[in-house]
Amino acid sequence: MRRIAKHVVLFFALVPLVVLSFAGTARAQAGVATHVGTLDDGATYLIEVPANWNGTLFLYSHGYVVPGTKNPAHDVGDPVTRLFMLASGYALAGSSYAHTGWAIHEALSDQIAVLDVFKKMVGHPKRTIAWGHSLGGIITAGLIQRNPKRFDAALPMCGVLSGGVATWNTALDAAFAFQTLLAPGAGLQVVNIADPPANLTLAEEALAGAQGTPQGRARIALVGALGDLPGWFLPLSPEPGSDDFTSQEANQFTWDQQVDFPFAFALRAELEARAGGNVSWNTGVDYRKQLDRSIGRDQVRALYQQAGLDLDADLDMLNDTARISADPEAVHYLERNIIFDGQIHIPVLTLHTTGDGLVVVQNESAYKQVVDEAGNGEFLRRTFVARAGHCAFTPAETIAAVQKLINRLDTGRWHDVDATDLNNAAAAQGLLFNVFVILDANDNIVALIPTPPAYIEFEPSPYLRPFDAPSRDCHRGFPCGNPFFEFNQH
């Protein structure tokens, strides 16, 4: 797994708020009491309580940790935000989770165990707020759904809020299209991956070859469109124009090469091992309809035309190729860990970048839809930052979101949660917090790059796959009860 880890870490080295590992988070700070230890299942925990504790505890859920890499406990997303939170009187806590990988099953129990430890060591908080990045975002939303009485509010950031089933089905769509159109007969596995490093090597070789021709680039764009992959990669770069399809595809290639392919063609195996089989299916998917609903449809059509390729022929090939069925018990594992039912009764504020190519911003549409259908829209507010990158927030942008959530708890109402007010709140934090935090390979800060806040009013397009409990999909035209039957996209 080392080579796979290198791919993912290389990407996160370009992103300011790395959610995989923060060894420097627990550095000593004056007046802060630090508690560390080990839970019964072997997970470690970290608790920090400032001398001026105001009674509010933030329980942090960290993101995906690549198997084979270090896995310390985290209680905050980055060291600069940590300084603000502790200085403002907030207590911080979090665990490592007992295992690495798609560790939602362990995290949902380990994080509650940390709350129990906190209560014994420190006392009962007046308020407990769940927050987390990336995989920690889905864990945050899972914690409040499973344990509604333990939390007062939540802040899922760049979270996998479509739930585990939809996320891996979407990954399968892209992998299936890539295998069918760009690596036929290469032995590339999209499920039941036997040798993850070798499988990733096959995918990388085919990807590099495809990028060298107009026809290959057009097909890479189609693969990306089936997962709504954005055409914007570097956080500090300007977004390509809406008709700059060449630059968009080059960025999508980089997303695939540096970030998404390691998950789709290698790290999926870790999930399959813990679930006991293949968790994904594409039976019944009409890929022509999927493209019509995608944000990338115009780009794909333009690049296919430029390359002299027949798009209809490729879509026919995708729709005519034998489909993949899931293992029912494996899907049930993924459903339990976790999909969402919209039952929230505490304030939830979400935060997402618009150019996220690992956890696409359409995850926010999925979560909002299930919350609205459950009649709980009054509790949810979504915020967006106009920037490329996964979890690419400045500390000031995170702090502004924290302040809005605290204000909602204090007043019982949502106040000033629009982009202008959030940008003003972030700017008011000053230069120390309006920065990108660049870390080296050992998670030490090597640069703080001044960066203005970039909140934006934004409405993501609908998520491309069904994303909530199967029994709730009936009225959308999806099948009732059994998620392995065919469905018709609308």
Protein backbone atom coordinates (compact mmCIF):
# COMPACT_ATOMS: atom_id res chain seq x y z
CA MET A 1 0.00 0.00 0.00
CA ARG A 2 2.97 2.37 0.22
CA ARG A 3 2.83 3.39 -3.42
CA ILE A 4 -0.91 3.99 -3.16
CA ALA A 5 -0.34 6.11 -0.07
CA LYS A 6 2.25 8.15 -1.96
CA HIS A 7 -0.32 9.06 -4.61
CA VAL A 8 -2.86 10.29 -2.09
CA VAL A 9 -0.33 12.11 0.09
CA LEU A 10 1.15 13.81 -2.99
CA PHE A 11 -2.26 15.30 -3.69
CA PHE A 12 -2.92 16.38 -0.15
CA ALA A 13 0.48 18.09 -0.05
CA LEU A 14 -1.07 20.53 -2.52
CA VAL A 15 -4.08 21.16 -0.31
CA PRO A 16 -3.84 23.39 2.74
CA LEU A 17 -5.97 21.56 5.26
CA VAL A 18 -4.70 18.02 5.05
CA VAL A 19 -7.20 15.72 6.75
CA LEU A 20 -5.19 12.51 6.61
CA SER A 21 -2.69 13.29 9.35
CA PHE A 22 -1.67 16.13 11.65
CA ALA A 23 1.13 15.06 13.91
CA GLY A 24 1.62 18.66 15.00
CA THR A 25 -1.92 19.21 16.19
CA ALA A 26 -1.18 18.31 19.81
CA ARG A 27 1.69 20.73 20.32
CA ALA A 28 1.69 22.24 23.79
CA GLN A 29 -0.16 25.52 24.29
CA ALA A 30 -0.09 27.53 27.50
CA GLY A 31 -2.99 26.85 29.84
CA VAL A 32 -4.25 23.82 27.94
CA ALA A 33 -4.79 20.50 29.73
CA THR A 34 -4.07 17.58 27.41
CA HIS A 35 -5.42 14.06 27.94
CA VAL A 36 -4.30 11.13 25.80
CA GLY A 37 -5.02 7.43 26.07
CA THR A 38 -6.23 4.27 24.41
CA LEU A 39 -9.79 2.97 24.06
CA ASP A 40 -10.75 -0.67 24.58
CA ASP A 41 -10.52 -1.47 20.85
CA GLY A 42 -7.02 -0.01 20.53
CA ALA A 43 -7.99 3.39 19.12
CA THR A 44 -6.14 6.30 20.70
CA TYR A 45 -7.76 9.54 21.77
CA LEU A 46 -6.71 13.15 22.23
CA ILE A 47 -8.51 15.68 24.42
CA GLU A 48 -7.48 19.31 24.91
CA VAL A 49 -9.20 21.61 27.38
CA PRO A 50 -8.20 25.29 27.74
CA ALA A 51 -8.04 26.91 31.16
CA ASN A 52 -10.86 29.25 30.10
CA TRP A 53 -13.11 26.42 28.88
CA ASN A 54 -16.54 27.85 28.04
CA GLY A 55 -18.37 24.54 28.40
CA THR A 56 -18.56 23.73 24.67
CA LEU A 57 -16.83 20.62 23.31
CA PHE A 58 -16.03 20.09 19.62
CA LEU A 59 -15.68 16.39 18.74
CA TYR A 60 -13.53 16.11 15.61
CA SER A 61 -13.77 13.22 13.14
CA HIS A 62 -10.73 12.99 10.88
CA GLY A 63 -10.65 11.91 7.25
CA TYR A 64 -9.57 8.81 5.40
CA VAL A 65 -6.24 7.33 6.48
CA VAL A 66 -4.52 5.21 3.83
CA PRO A 67 -3.79 1.69 5.14
CA GLY A 68 -0.15 1.37 6.03
CA THR A 69 0.32 5.03 7.01
CA LYS A 70 0.45 6.54 10.48
CA ASN A 71 -2.83 6.90 12.32
CA PRO A 72 -2.62 9.18 15.37
CA ALA A 73 -5.62 10.67 17.13
CA HIS A 74 -6.78 14.10 15.93
CA ASP A 75 -8.96 16.65 17.65
CA VAL A 76 -8.96 19.42 15.01
CA GLY A 77 -8.43 19.77 11.28
CA ASP A 78 -5.32 21.97 11.23
CA PRO A 79 -2.94 23.60 13.71
CA VAL A 80 -3.93 27.18 12.90
CA THR A 81 -7.63 26.56 13.52
CA ARG A 82 -6.60 24.76 16.72
CA LEU A 83 -4.98 27.94 18.02
CA PHE A 84 -8.22 29.89 17.53
CA MET A 85 -10.48 27.24 19.04
CA LEU A 86 -8.45 26.78 22.22
CA ALA A 87 -7.85 30.51 22.65
CA SER A 88 -11.61 31.05 22.33
CA GLY A 89 -12.34 28.65 25.17
CA TYR A 90 -13.51 25.60 23.22
CA ALA A 91 -12.46 22.11 24.27
CA LEU A 92 -11.35 19.74 21.52
CA ALA A 93 -11.48 15.95 21.34
CA GLY A 94 -11.17 13.12 18.85
CA SER A 95 -9.88 9.62 18.25
CA SER A 96 -7.68 7.80 15.74
CA TYR A 97 -10.36 5.14 15.09
CA ALA A 98 -9.29 1.57 15.71
CA HIS A 99 -8.35 0.93 12.08
CA THR A 100 -7.40 2.82 8.93
CA GLY A 101 -9.25 2.82 5.61
CA TRP A 102 -13.04 3.13 5.30
CA ALA A 103 -13.26 3.00 9.08
CA ILE A 104 -16.77 4.36 9.59
CA HIS A 105 -17.87 1.29 11.55
CA GLU A 106 -15.10 1.82 14.11
CA ALA A 107 -15.38 5.60 14.11
CA LEU A 108 -19.07 5.67 15.01
CA SER A 109 -18.36 3.80 18.23
CA ASP A 110 -14.89 5.18 18.98
CA GLN A 111 -16.05 8.79 18.81
CA ILE A 112 -18.87 8.14 21.26
CA ALA A 113 -16.36 6.41 23.52
CA VAL A 114 -14.27 9.60 23.48
CA LEU A 115 -17.32 11.54 24.70
CA ASP A 116 -17.64 9.09 27.58
CA VAL A 117 -13.95 9.51 28.42
CA PHE A 118 -14.30 13.29 28.31
CA LYS A 119 -17.23 13.20 30.71
CA LYS A 120 -15.22 11.12 33.21
CA MET A 121 -11.97 13.09 32.93
CA VAL A 122 -13.23 16.63 32.43
CA GLY A 123 -16.94 16.83 33.10
CA HIS A 124 -20.23 17.06 31.27
CA PRO A 125 -20.14 19.67 28.47
CA LYS A 126 -22.91 22.22 28.24
CA ARG A 127 -22.81 21.73 24.48
CA THR A 128 -21.27 19.10 22.22
CA ILE A 129 -20.70 19.88 18.55
CA ALA A 130 -19.65 17.23 16.02
CA TRP A 131 -17.41 18.34 13.17
CA GLY A 132 -15.04 16.70 10.71
CA HIS A 133 -13.50 16.70 7.25
CA SER A 134 -14.06 14.35 4.29
CA LEU A 135 -14.65 10.82 5.62
CA GLY A 136 -14.94 12.65 8.91
CA GLY A 137 -17.83 14.57 7.38
CA ILE A 138 -19.85 11.42 6.74
CA ILE A 139 -18.88 10.23 10.23
CA THR A 140 -20.07 13.54 11.70
CA ALA A 141 -23.44 13.20 9.97
CA GLY A 142 -23.59 9.55 11.02
CA LEU A 143 -22.87 10.38 14.65
CA ILE A 144 -25.77 12.81 14.95
CA GLN A 145 -28.13 10.42 13.14
CA ARG A 146 -27.18 7.48 15.37
CA ASN A 147 -26.84 9.42 18.63
CA PRO A 148 -29.12 12.45 18.40
CA LYS A 149 -29.20 13.05 22.18
CA ARG A 150 -25.42 13.29 22.46
CA PHE A 151 -25.01 16.35 20.21
CA ASP A 152 -26.27 19.91 20.03
CA ALA A 153 -25.04 20.84 16.53
CA ALA A 154 -22.86 19.59 13.69
CA LEU A 155 -20.44 20.95 11.09
CA PRO A 156 -19.68 18.36 8.36
CA MET A 157 -16.99 19.78 6.07
CA CYS A 158 -16.30 18.46 2.55
CA GLY A 159 -18.29 15.45 3.72
CA VAL A 160 -19.33 12.27 1.90
CA LEU A 161 -22.95 13.23 2.50
CA SER A 162 -24.44 11.13 -0.28
CA GLY A 163 -23.68 8.16 1.96
CA GLY A 164 -21.44 5.17 1.39
CA VAL A 165 -23.63 3.27 -1.09
CA ALA A 166 -24.03 6.15 -3.54
CA THR A 167 -20.39 7.18 -3.24
CA TRP A 168 -19.01 3.80 -4.23
CA ASN A 169 -21.66 3.29 -6.91
CA THR A 170 -20.57 6.58 -8.48
CA ALA A 171 -16.95 5.47 -8.30
CA LEU A 172 -17.96 2.24 -10.03
CA ASP A 173 -19.64 4.16 -12.87
CA ALA A 174 -16.39 6.00 -13.63
CA ALA A 175 -14.22 2.90 -13.25
CA PHE A 176 -16.57 0.83 -15.41
CA ALA A 177 -16.52 3.45 -18.18
CA PHE A 178 -12.73 3.71 -18.01
CA GLN A 179 -12.27 -0.07 -18.17
CA THR A 180 -14.75 -0.44 -21.04
CA LEU A 181 -13.55 2.44 -23.21
CA LEU A 182 -9.87 2.82 -22.38
CA ALA A 183 -8.61 -0.48 -20.96
CA PRO A 184 -10.57 -3.30 -22.62
CA GLY A 185 -8.84 -6.63 -22.31
CA ALA A 186 -6.13 -5.25 -20.01
CA GLY A 187 -7.21 -7.33 -17.03
CA LEU A 188 -8.18 -4.23 -15.08
CA GLN A 189 -10.51 -5.05 -12.17
CA VAL A 190 -13.20 -2.59 -11.07
CA VAL A 191 -14.57 -4.76 -8.23
CA ASN A 192 -13.25 -7.76 -6.30
CA ILE A 193 -9.75 -6.37 -6.69
CA ALA A 194 -7.21 -9.11 -6.00
CA ASP A 195 -3.92 -7.17 -6.21
CA PRO A 196 -4.51 -3.46 -5.51
CA PRO A 197 -1.03 -2.10 -6.39
CA ALA A 198 -0.85 -4.05 -9.65
CA ASN A 199 -4.41 -3.08 -10.52
CA LEU A 200 -3.63 0.58 -9.95
CA THR A 201 -0.55 0.29 -12.16
CA LEU A 202 -2.69 -1.07 -15.00
CA ALA A 203 -5.13 1.84 -14.62
CA GLU A 204 -2.33 4.41 -14.49
CA GLU A 205 -0.69 3.07 -17.62
CA ALA A 206 -3.95 3.15 -19.54
CA LEU A 207 -4.71 6.65 -18.23
CA ALA A 208 -1.30 7.99 -19.28
CA GLY A 209 -1.67 6.47 -22.72
CA ALA A 210 -5.14 7.92 -23.19
CA GLN A 211 -4.01 11.40 -22.22
CA GLY A 212 -1.64 11.38 -25.18
CA THR A 213 -4.37 11.42 -27.86
CA PRO A 214 -7.45 13.59 -28.55
CA GLN A 215 -9.61 10.47 -28.55
CA GLY A 216 -8.24 9.37 -25.19
CA ARG A 217 -8.74 12.82 -23.68
CA ALA A 218 -12.35 12.90 -24.84
CA ARG A 219 -12.99 9.55 -23.19
CA ILE A 220 -11.26 10.67 -19.98
CA ALA A 221 -13.70 13.58 -19.94
CA LEU A 222 -16.62 11.17 -20.35
CA VAL A 223 -15.35 9.04 -17.48
CA GLY A 224 -15.16 12.17 -15.33
CA ALA A 225 -18.61 13.38 -16.36
CA LEU A 226 -20.22 10.19 -15.06
CA GLY A 227 -19.11 11.27 -11.58
CA ASP A 228 -19.50 15.05 -12.03
CA LEU A 229 -15.73 15.48 -11.77
CA PRO A 230 -14.85 19.20 -11.81
CA GLY A 231 -12.33 20.60 -14.28
CA TRP A 232 -10.40 22.51 -11.63
CA PHE A 233 -7.59 21.06 -9.53
CA LEU A 234 -5.15 23.47 -7.83
CA PRO A 235 -6.66 25.56 -5.02
CA LEU A 236 -4.46 28.60 -5.76
CA SER A 237 -5.21 28.59 -9.49
CA PRO A 238 -8.00 30.42 -11.31
CA GLU A 239 -10.93 28.30 -12.43
CA PRO A 240 -10.84 27.50 -16.16
CA GLY A 241 -13.49 29.25 -18.22
CA SER A 242 -16.80 27.51 -18.79
CA ASP A 243 -15.83 26.73 -22.39
CA ASP A 244 -12.12 26.03 -21.77
CA PHE A 245 -12.68 22.33 -22.21
CA THR A 246 -9.02 21.53 -22.84
CA SER A 247 -7.89 22.95 -19.49
CA GLN A 248 -10.81 21.30 -17.73
CA GLU A 249 -9.83 17.90 -19.10
CA ALA A 250 -6.18 18.40 -18.12
CA ASN A 251 -7.33 19.06 -14.55
CA GLN A 252 -9.61 16.03 -14.60
CA PHE A 253 -6.67 13.91 -15.73
CA THR A 254 -4.72 15.17 -12.71
CA TRP A 255 -7.61 14.40 -10.36
CA ASP A 256 -7.70 10.86 -11.73
CA GLN A 257 -3.95 10.36 -11.65
CA GLN A 258 -3.24 11.85 -8.22
CA VAL A 259 -6.42 11.21 -6.23
CA ASP A 260 -9.37 9.31 -7.62
CA PHE A 261 -7.76 6.31 -9.32
CA PRO A 262 -6.01 5.13 -6.13
CA PHE A 263 -9.43 4.95 -4.48
CA ALA A 264 -11.28 3.45 -7.46
CA PHE A 265 -8.69 0.85 -8.50
CA ALA A 266 -6.84 0.04 -5.27
CA LEU A 267 -8.29 1.33 -2.01
CA ARG A 268 -11.71 -0.11 -2.90
CA ALA A 269 -10.18 -3.48 -1.99
CA GLU A 270 -9.89 -2.45 1.66
CA LEU A 271 -13.61 -1.71 1.77
CA GLU A 272 -14.44 -4.97 -0.01
CA ALA A 273 -12.40 -6.88 2.57
CA ARG A 274 -14.17 -5.31 5.52
CA ALA A 275 -17.62 -5.60 3.86
CA GLY A 276 -17.08 -9.21 2.77
CA GLY A 277 -17.60 -8.64 -0.96
CA ASN A 278 -18.45 -6.16 -3.68
CA VAL A 279 -20.48 -3.22 -2.38
CA SER A 280 -21.40 -1.64 -5.75
CA TRP A 281 -23.62 -2.29 -8.75
CA ASN A 282 -24.48 -0.66 -12.05
CA THR A 283 -27.33 -2.89 -13.20
CA GLY A 284 -29.97 -0.78 -14.89
CA VAL A 285 -27.88 2.37 -15.23
CA ASP A 286 -28.47 4.20 -18.51
CA TYR A 287 -25.18 5.96 -19.13
CA ARG A 288 -26.66 8.15 -21.84
CA LYS A 289 -29.11 9.56 -19.31
CA GLN A 290 -26.33 9.89 -16.75
CA LEU A 291 -24.33 12.03 -19.17
CA ASP A 292 -27.37 14.17 -19.95
CA ARG A 293 -27.68 14.95 -16.23
CA SER A 294 -23.97 15.60 -15.70
CA ILE A 295 -22.30 18.99 -15.33
CA GLY A 296 -19.72 17.75 -17.88
CA ARG A 297 -22.08 17.01 -20.77
CA ASP A 298 -21.13 20.06 -22.90
CA GLN A 299 -17.42 19.44 -22.37
CA VAL A 300 -17.73 15.79 -23.38
CA ARG A 301 -19.73 16.55 -26.51
CA ALA A 302 -17.26 19.24 -27.58
CA LEU A 303 -14.17 17.08 -27.00
CA TYR A 304 -15.74 14.11 -28.80
CA GLN A 305 -16.51 16.33 -31.77
CA GLN A 306 -12.98 17.73 -31.82
CA ALA A 307 -11.53 14.20 -31.67
CA GLY A 308 -13.76 12.92 -34.45
CA LEU A 309 -15.27 10.30 -32.16
CA ASP A 310 -18.82 8.97 -32.18
CA LEU A 311 -20.20 9.70 -28.70
CA ASP A 312 -23.37 7.72 -29.33
CA ALA A 313 -21.32 4.67 -30.22
CA ASP A 314 -19.35 4.87 -26.97
CA LEU A 315 -22.52 5.35 -24.93
CA ASP A 316 -24.09 2.37 -26.69
CA MET A 317 -20.99 0.35 -25.85
CA LEU A 318 -21.30 1.29 -22.17
CA ASN A 319 -25.00 0.45 -22.09
CA ASP A 320 -24.49 -2.86 -23.93
CA THR A 321 -21.56 -4.11 -21.83
CA ALA A 322 -22.34 -6.73 -19.19
CA ARG A 323 -23.17 -5.10 -15.88
CA ILE A 324 -21.90 -5.67 -12.35
CA SER A 325 -24.07 -6.84 -9.47
CA ALA A 326 -23.33 -6.29 -5.81
CA ASP A 327 -23.06 -8.80 -2.99
CA PRO A 328 -26.16 -8.19 -0.85
CA GLU A 329 -24.48 -8.64 2.52
CA ALA A 330 -21.64 -6.33 1.49
CA VAL A 331 -24.13 -3.64 0.53
CA HIS A 332 -25.90 -4.06 3.85
CA TYR A 333 -22.56 -3.43 5.57
CA LEU A 334 -22.18 -0.21 3.60
CA GLU A 335 -25.77 0.82 4.32
CA ARG A 336 -25.10 0.45 8.02
CA ASN A 337 -21.90 2.47 7.67
CA ILE A 338 -23.71 4.66 6.55
CA ILE A 339 -26.62 6.09 4.55
CA PHE A 340 -28.82 8.98 5.64
CA ASP A 341 -32.52 9.29 6.41
CA GLY A 342 -32.75 13.06 6.90
CA GLN A 343 -33.74 12.77 10.54
CA ILE A 344 -31.87 15.73 12.02
CA HIS A 345 -33.31 17.79 14.86
CA ILE A 346 -30.28 19.90 15.73
CA PRO A 347 -28.60 22.67 13.71
CA VAL A 348 -26.35 21.32 10.94
CA LEU A 349 -24.13 23.61 8.88
CA THR A 350 -22.19 22.10 5.99
CA LEU A 351 -19.15 23.50 4.17
CA HIS A 352 -17.84 22.45 0.75
CA THR A 353 -15.57 23.75 -1.99
CA THR A 354 -17.14 24.01 -5.43
CA GLY A 355 -14.13 22.41 -7.15
CA ASP A 356 -13.79 19.25 -5.07
CA GLY A 357 -12.86 16.29 -7.25
CA LEU A 358 -12.61 13.65 -4.52
CA VAL A 359 -15.90 14.30 -2.69
CA VAL A 360 -17.85 16.22 -5.32
CA VAL A 361 -19.99 19.14 -4.23
CA GLN A 362 -23.14 17.32 -5.40
CA ASN A 363 -22.93 15.39 -2.11
CA GLU A 364 -24.54 18.47 -0.60
CA SER A 365 -27.55 18.10 -2.91
CA ALA A 366 -28.05 14.52 -1.81
CA TYR A 367 -28.00 15.37 1.88
CA LYS A 368 -30.32 18.36 1.48
CA GLN A 369 -32.84 16.27 -0.44
CA VAL A 370 -33.19 13.60 2.25
CA VAL A 371 -33.34 16.26 4.99
CA ASP A 372 -36.02 18.22 3.12
CA GLU A 373 -38.04 15.08 2.39
CA ALA A 374 -37.96 14.25 6.10
CA GLY A 375 -39.39 17.70 6.82
CA ASN A 376 -36.29 18.92 8.65
CA GLY A 377 -34.98 21.59 6.28
CA GLU A 378 -35.20 24.25 8.99
CA PHE A 379 -32.22 22.66 10.77
CA LEU A 380 -29.88 22.56 7.75
CA ARG A 381 -27.84 25.31 6.12
CA ARG A 382 -25.19 24.76 3.44
CA THR A 383 -22.20 26.98 2.66
CA PHE A 384 -19.81 26.91 -0.29
CA VAL A 385 -16.31 28.19 -1.01
CA ALA A 386 -15.35 28.97 -4.62
CA ARG A 387 -12.07 27.10 -4.76
CA ALA A 388 -10.59 23.91 -6.19
CA GLY A 389 -9.34 21.14 -3.96
CA HIS A 390 -10.67 18.73 -1.38
CA CYS A 391 -11.30 20.38 2.00
CA ALA A 392 -9.38 23.41 0.70
CA PHE A 393 -10.60 25.89 3.32
CA THR A 394 -8.60 28.56 5.07
CA PRO A 395 -8.73 28.61 8.87
CA ALA A 396 -10.67 31.89 8.66
CA GLU A 397 -13.36 30.28 6.51
CA THR A 398 -13.67 27.42 8.97
CA ILE A 399 -13.81 29.83 11.91
CA ALA A 400 -16.55 31.87 10.21
CA ALA A 401 -18.64 28.70 9.85
CA VAL A 402 -18.02 27.81 13.51
CA GLN A 403 -19.18 31.27 14.58
CA LYS A 404 -22.39 31.04 12.55
CA LEU A 405 -23.18 27.66 14.08
CA ILE A 406 -22.52 28.95 17.60
CA ASN A 407 -24.76 31.94 16.89
CA ARG A 408 -27.52 29.57 15.80
CA LEU A 409 -27.24 27.73 19.11
CA ASP A 410 -27.15 30.96 21.12
CA THR A 411 -30.17 32.57 19.46
CA GLY A 412 -32.25 29.63 18.24
CA ARG A 413 -32.29 31.08 14.72
CA TRP A 414 -30.05 31.12 11.68
CA HIS A 415 -28.57 34.60 11.19
CA ASP A 416 -26.44 35.92 8.31
CA VAL A 417 -25.49 32.63 6.72
CA ASP A 418 -25.08 34.09 3.25
CA ALA A 419 -21.79 34.38 1.40
CA THR A 420 -21.30 38.11 2.03
CA ASP A 421 -21.69 37.78 5.78
CA LEU A 422 -19.47 34.71 5.92
CA ASN A 423 -16.75 36.46 3.92
CA ASN A 424 -16.96 39.47 6.24
CA ALA A 425 -16.72 37.19 9.28
CA ALA A 426 -13.71 35.39 7.81
CA ALA A 427 -11.96 38.62 6.81
CA ALA A 428 -12.41 39.94 10.33
CA GLN A 429 -10.13 37.18 11.65
CA GLY A 430 -7.09 38.98 10.21
CA LEU A 431 -4.05 37.84 8.28
CA LEU A 432 -3.05 35.04 10.66
CA PHE A 433 -6.15 33.01 9.80
CA ASN A 434 -6.78 34.09 6.18
CA VAL A 435 -4.05 31.80 4.88
CA PHE A 436 -3.46 28.49 3.20
CA VAL A 437 -1.52 26.21 5.50
CA ILE A 438 1.09 24.30 3.49
CA LEU A 439 2.61 21.28 5.23
CA ASP A 440 5.65 19.15 4.48
CA ALA A 441 5.74 15.36 4.42
CA ASN A 442 6.09 15.32 8.23
CA ASP A 443 3.05 17.58 8.70
CA ASN A 444 5.12 20.59 9.73
CA ILE A 445 3.97 24.00 8.56
CA VAL A 446 6.29 25.23 5.83
CA ALA A 447 4.25 28.14 4.46
CA LEU A 448 1.26 30.31 5.24
CA ILE A 449 0.00 31.85 2.00
CA PRO A 450 -2.29 34.87 2.38
CA THR A 451 -5.65 33.97 0.84
CA PRO A 452 -8.85 36.04 0.93
CA PRO A 453 -12.12 34.36 1.91
CA ALA A 454 -14.07 32.95 -1.04
CA TYR A 455 -17.56 32.06 0.15
CA ILE A 456 -20.05 32.09 -2.72
CA GLU A 457 -23.79 31.68 -3.21
CA PHE A 458 -24.03 28.36 -5.01
CA GLU A 459 -26.55 25.65 -5.84
CA PRO A 460 -25.01 22.28 -6.74
CA SER A 461 -26.63 20.10 -9.37
CA PRO A 462 -28.44 16.92 -8.26
CA TYR A 463 -26.39 13.89 -7.27
CA LEU A 464 -26.22 11.38 -10.12
CA ARG A 465 -27.02 8.20 -8.18
CA PRO A 466 -29.72 7.20 -5.65
CA PHE A 467 -28.35 8.02 -2.24
CA ASP A 468 -30.69 7.24 0.65
CA ALA A 469 -32.51 4.25 2.12
CA PRO A 470 -33.88 2.00 -0.67
CA SER A 471 -37.41 2.07 0.75
CA ARG A 472 -37.46 5.85 0.30
CA ASP A 473 -36.50 5.73 -3.38
CA CYS A 474 -39.85 4.45 -4.68
CA HIS A 475 -41.44 7.80 -5.37
CA ARG A 476 -38.38 8.94 -7.31
CA GLY A 477 -38.76 6.14 -9.83
CA PHE A 478 -36.16 3.95 -8.14
CA PRO A 479 -37.10 0.42 -6.98
CA CYS A 480 -38.59 -0.20 -3.58
CA GLY A 481 -36.94 -2.43 -1.02
CA ASN A 482 -34.17 -4.25 -2.84
CA PRO A 483 -31.30 -2.00 -3.95
CA PHE A 484 -29.85 -4.58 -6.34
CA PHE A 485 -32.70 -4.46 -8.83
CA GLU A 486 -32.47 -2.29 -11.89
CA PHE A 487 -33.50 1.33 -11.68
CA ASN A 488 -34.30 3.95 -14.27
CA GLN A 489 -32.62 7.31 -13.97
CA HIS A 490 -34.70 10.43 -14.56
